[in-house]
Amino acid sequence: MFMYKKNINRWEPTKLQIDNIILPAYTDLSKRCVSYINELECPPQYIADMLRDLADAIMTSYPEVKNNSSNL
């Protein structure tokens, strides 16, 4: 079995954060995306593109995160 050095610059959520914030956010966002697809009668790819654009905007707004993303 190989042992890997833990990258101390990598942020990892706690179990509490995963259970109480992250998983509910994923669930809510997924439900909203399905609702938008149905309401707009658009292909899922359109919503996926919107989410990618949003992710790009977040990374652009926080350059220190972007600069450190190679450590993730």
Protein backbone atom coordinates (compact mmCIF):
# COMPACT_ATOMS: atom_id res chain seq x y z
CA MET A 1 0.00 0.00 0.00
CA PHE A 2 1.34 3.42 -0.97
CA MET A 3 1.40 6.34 1.41
CA TYR A 4 0.93 9.75 -0.12
CA LYS A 5 1.99 13.00 1.48
CA LYS A 6 -1.02 15.11 2.30
CA ASN A 7 -0.94 18.46 0.54
CA ILE A 8 -1.23 21.00 3.36
CA ASN A 9 -2.40 23.68 0.89
CA ARG A 10 -5.46 21.68 -0.09
CA TRP A 11 -8.70 22.66 1.59
CA GLU A 12 -11.02 19.85 2.56
CA PRO A 13 -14.45 20.29 4.10
CA THR A 14 -15.31 18.71 7.40
CA LYS A 15 -17.94 15.97 7.59
CA LEU A 16 -20.25 18.49 9.25
CA GLN A 17 -19.77 20.95 6.38
CA ILE A 18 -20.40 18.20 3.85
CA ASP A 19 -23.55 16.98 5.60
CA ASN A 20 -25.03 20.36 6.54
CA ILE A 21 -23.95 22.69 3.74
CA ILE A 22 -22.42 21.02 0.70
CA LEU A 23 -24.79 18.09 0.10
CA PRO A 24 -27.92 20.22 0.65
CA ALA A 25 -26.50 22.86 -1.72
CA TYR A 26 -25.80 20.22 -4.39
CA THR A 27 -29.30 18.81 -3.98
CA ASP A 28 -30.95 22.23 -4.15
CA LEU A 29 -28.89 23.31 -7.15
CA SER A 30 -29.64 20.07 -8.98
CA LYS A 31 -33.37 20.49 -8.39
CA ARG A 32 -33.23 24.11 -9.55
CA CYS A 33 -31.36 23.13 -12.70
CA VAL A 34 -33.94 20.48 -13.57
CA SER A 35 -36.67 23.05 -12.93
CA TYR A 36 -34.97 25.57 -15.24
CA ILE A 37 -34.60 22.94 -17.97
CA ASN A 38 -38.32 22.17 -17.70
CA GLU A 39 -39.41 25.80 -17.45
CA LEU A 40 -37.22 27.02 -20.31
CA GLU A 41 -37.77 23.84 -22.34
CA CYS A 42 -34.06 23.96 -23.15
CA PRO A 43 -31.50 21.19 -23.55
CA PRO A 44 -29.60 20.27 -20.38
CA GLN A 45 -26.42 21.42 -22.16
CA TYR A 46 -27.64 25.03 -21.93
CA ILE A 47 -27.85 24.86 -18.13
CA ALA A 48 -24.51 23.03 -17.98
CA ASP A 49 -22.95 25.88 -20.00
CA MET A 50 -24.48 28.40 -17.60
CA LEU A 51 -22.93 26.56 -14.65
CA ARG A 52 -19.52 26.48 -16.36
CA ASP A 53 -19.78 30.23 -17.02
CA LEU A 54 -20.65 30.78 -13.39
CA ALA A 55 -17.67 28.70 -12.25
CA ASP A 56 -15.40 30.71 -14.55
CA ALA A 57 -16.77 33.97 -13.14
CA ILE A 58 -16.15 32.79 -9.57
CA MET A 59 -12.57 31.80 -10.37
CA THR A 60 -11.98 35.15 -12.09
CA SER A 61 -13.42 37.04 -9.11
CA TYR A 62 -11.10 35.28 -6.70
CA PRO A 63 -7.65 35.21 -8.37
CA GLU A 64 -5.92 33.96 -5.23
CA VAL A 65 -8.00 30.81 -5.44
CA LYS A 66 -7.23 30.48 -9.15
CA ASN A 67 -3.51 30.86 -8.51
CA ASN A 68 -3.60 28.15 -5.87
CA SER A 69 -5.85 25.78 -7.81
CA SER A 70 -2.84 23.80 -8.97
CA ASN A 71 -2.44 22.74 -5.35
CA LEU A 72 -5.87 21.12 -5.24
